[in-house]
Protein backbone atom coordinates (compact mmCIF):
# COMPACT_ATOMS: atom_id res chain seq x y z
CA ARG A 1 -11.05 3.30 -0.91
CA TYR A 2 -8.40 5.73 0.74
CA GLN A 3 -8.67 9.65 -0.01
CA PHE A 4 -5.53 11.47 0.72
CA PRO A 5 -5.77 15.58 1.00
CA ALA A 6 -3.58 17.52 -1.44
CA ARG A 7 -0.32 18.24 0.10
CA GLY A 8 1.38 21.13 -1.16
CA ALA A 9 1.85 21.17 -4.99
CA GLN A 10 0.70 17.56 -4.56
CA PRO A 11 -2.87 16.80 -5.50
CA PRO A 12 -5.26 14.94 -3.70
CA VAL A 13 -4.75 11.17 -3.82
CA THR A 14 -7.36 8.29 -4.26
CA LEU A 15 -6.45 4.79 -3.28
CA THR A 16 -8.53 1.85 -3.83
CA TRP A 17 -7.23 -1.21 -2.58
CA TYR A 18 -8.35 -4.95 -3.47
CA HIS A 19 -7.79 -8.30 -2.11
CA GLY A 20 -9.63 -11.59 -1.45
CA GLY A 21 -9.88 -12.81 -5.11
CA LYS A 22 -10.76 -9.19 -6.06
CA HIS A 23 -8.99 -6.90 -8.73
CA PRO A 24 -9.54 -4.11 -11.40
CA ALA A 25 -11.99 -4.93 -13.95
CA LEU A 26 -9.48 -3.45 -16.45
CA LEU A 27 -7.23 -6.19 -16.07
CA THR A 28 -7.31 -8.75 -18.75
CA PRO A 29 -7.14 -12.38 -17.44
CA GLU A 30 -3.56 -12.89 -18.11
CA GLN A 31 -2.51 -9.81 -16.44
CA TYR A 32 -4.27 -10.53 -13.60
CA LYS A 33 -2.36 -13.93 -13.31
CA ASN A 34 0.89 -12.44 -13.71
CA TYR A 35 0.58 -9.41 -11.81
CA SER A 36 -2.35 -10.66 -8.90
CA SER A 37 0.36 -9.18 -6.26
CA GLY A 38 1.26 -5.79 -7.49
CA VAL A 39 0.27 -2.18 -8.20
CA LEU A 40 -1.55 -0.58 -10.67
CA PHE A 41 -1.34 3.26 -11.57
CA MET A 42 -4.13 5.01 -13.61
CA GLY A 43 -2.84 8.24 -15.18
CA GLU A 44 -4.65 10.46 -17.85
CA LYS A 45 -2.68 8.85 -20.74
CA GLY A 46 -2.57 5.39 -19.57
CA SER A 47 -1.66 3.13 -16.58
CA LEU A 48 1.19 1.57 -15.18
CA ILE A 49 1.15 -1.80 -13.42
CA SER A 50 3.81 -3.50 -11.51
CA ASN A 51 5.17 -6.20 -9.47
CA TYR A 52 8.66 -7.05 -7.58
CA HIS A 53 9.76 -8.21 -11.01
CA GLN A 54 7.77 -6.83 -13.97
CA HIS A 55 6.23 -3.63 -15.23
CA ALA A 56 3.99 -2.73 -17.93
CA LEU A 57 2.37 0.18 -19.20
CA LEU A 58 -1.65 -0.11 -20.45
CA PRO A 59 -2.81 -0.02 -22.89
CA GLU A 60 0.23 -1.78 -24.06
CA LYS A 61 -0.58 -0.89 -27.80
CA ASP A 62 -0.55 2.66 -26.65
CA PHE A 63 3.07 2.53 -25.43
CA GLU A 64 4.70 -0.27 -28.10
CA GLY A 65 8.38 1.02 -28.22
CA GLN A 66 8.35 2.93 -25.17
CA PRO A 67 12.23 2.30 -23.78
CA PRO A 68 11.97 2.20 -19.88
CA PRO A 69 13.19 4.64 -17.56
CA ALA A 70 16.07 4.24 -15.75
CA VAL A 71 16.18 2.33 -12.83
CA LYS A 72 16.33 4.38 -9.68
CA VAL A 73 15.44 2.07 -6.91
CA ALA A 74 17.82 -1.33 -6.92
CA ASN A 75 15.65 -4.70 -7.09
CA SER A 76 15.33 -6.18 -3.53
CA ILE A 77 16.64 -9.08 -2.22
CA GLY A 78 13.49 -9.64 0.10
CA HIS A 79 11.98 -7.99 2.92
CA HIS A 80 13.43 -10.58 5.60
CA ARG A 81 16.94 -10.33 4.22
CA GLU A 82 17.29 -7.11 3.91
CA TRP A 83 15.81 -6.36 7.45
CA ILE A 84 18.34 -9.03 8.42
CA GLN A 85 21.36 -7.49 6.34
CA ALA A 86 20.45 -4.03 7.96
CA CYS A 87 20.65 -5.27 11.27
CA LYS A 88 24.28 -7.00 10.63
CA THR A 89 26.02 -4.36 8.57
CA GLY A 90 23.77 -1.17 9.25
CA VAL A 91 22.94 -0.80 5.65
CA PRO A 92 19.56 0.53 5.47
CA ALA A 93 16.43 -1.71 4.11
CA GLY A 94 15.08 -0.39 1.25
CA CYS A 95 11.87 -0.06 3.10
CA PRO A 96 12.98 1.37 6.24
CA PHE A 97 10.51 1.74 9.25
CA ASP A 98 10.08 5.46 8.84
CA TYR A 99 8.42 4.68 5.48
CA SER A 100 6.93 0.99 6.05
CA GLY A 101 5.47 2.05 9.54
CA PRO A 102 2.68 4.61 8.10
CA LEU A 103 2.39 2.77 5.18
CA THR A 104 1.40 -0.72 6.71
CA GLU A 105 -0.67 1.43 9.27
CA THR A 106 -2.84 2.61 6.16
CA ALA A 107 -3.29 -0.74 5.27
CA LEU A 108 -4.67 -2.05 8.47
CA LEU A 109 -6.69 0.90 8.64
CA GLY A 110 -8.60 -0.31 5.90
CA ASN A 111 -9.34 -3.49 7.72
CA VAL A 112 -10.53 -1.38 10.58
CA ALA A 113 -12.86 0.52 8.75
CA TYR A 114 -14.24 -2.59 7.22
CA ARG A 115 -14.53 -4.57 10.56
CA ALA A 116 -16.28 -1.66 12.16
CA GLY A 117 -18.55 -0.95 9.24
CA SER A 118 -18.01 2.51 8.63
CA ARG A 119 -15.97 5.02 7.09
CA LEU A 120 -12.87 6.43 9.13
CA GLU A 121 -11.23 10.18 9.50
CA TRP A 122 -7.95 9.25 11.12
CA ASP A 123 -5.73 11.30 13.32
CA TRP A 124 -2.75 10.00 12.99
CA GLN A 125 -0.81 11.89 15.63
CA ARG A 126 -3.75 10.32 18.44
CA LEU A 127 -4.04 7.28 16.78
CA ARG A 128 -7.95 7.26 16.68
CA ALA A 129 -10.37 7.40 14.44
CA VAL A 130 -12.33 10.89 15.26
CA ASN A 131 -15.62 9.89 13.75
CA CYS A 132 -16.14 6.21 14.67
CA ALA A 133 -15.60 5.13 18.26
CA ARG A 134 -16.35 1.62 17.15
CA ALA A 135 -12.78 1.49 15.28
CA ASP A 136 -11.14 1.34 18.98
CA GLU A 137 -11.93 -1.66 19.81
CA PHE A 138 -10.09 -2.63 16.81
CA ILE A 139 -7.58 -0.08 17.37
CA HIS A 140 -6.42 -0.52 20.80
CA HIS A 141 -6.35 -4.13 22.55
CA ARG A 142 -7.73 -4.18 25.91
CA TYR A 143 -5.91 -7.41 28.11
CA ARG A 144 -8.15 -9.30 30.65
CA GLN A 145 -7.98 -8.39 34.07
CA GLY A 146 -4.97 -10.40 35.67
CA TRP A 147 -3.11 -10.44 31.72
CA LYS A 148 -0.84 -7.47 30.97
CA LEU A 149 1.98 -6.85 28.39
C-alpha cells in the first residue's frame, strides 16, 4: 500500500498494488480474467477499471448508456516500439523517462519494503528510506572487492 500526501489542491491518495495472482475482492472472476493486468480507480460513486485495450465503469448496471469521454491519449504501439520510434525520430514516447522513471521507482520501492519487512518513508532526493536502514541493501548495490561498474 502506498500513501501519497496532499499536494496543493489535490487530496491525499492511497494506492493498493496487487500482483502474484492477487486482486481486489470486488472483481468478478470474469472481470479479473479480462483485466488481470490493469488499473482500478475507485471513486465515491463508482469505479473505473482499465487496461491498454478496454475500460469499464463499475458497477456496470449503474453506468449503462453512459457515453465514454473523449480520447485524450492515443493508443500505444507498445513501450518498446515507442522507445525505438522516439530514438529514431525524436518524437517523444507516450511515457517518457521523466514520467516513467519516478513511476518505476515507486513500484520498485514496494518490493524493497516487502523484502526489508518494513514500511518505508522515502526521501526521493537522497534515494534513502529515512526510517529503515535495512532497505539500503536493496537500494544501493555493493560490489565485492575487485569488481566495479
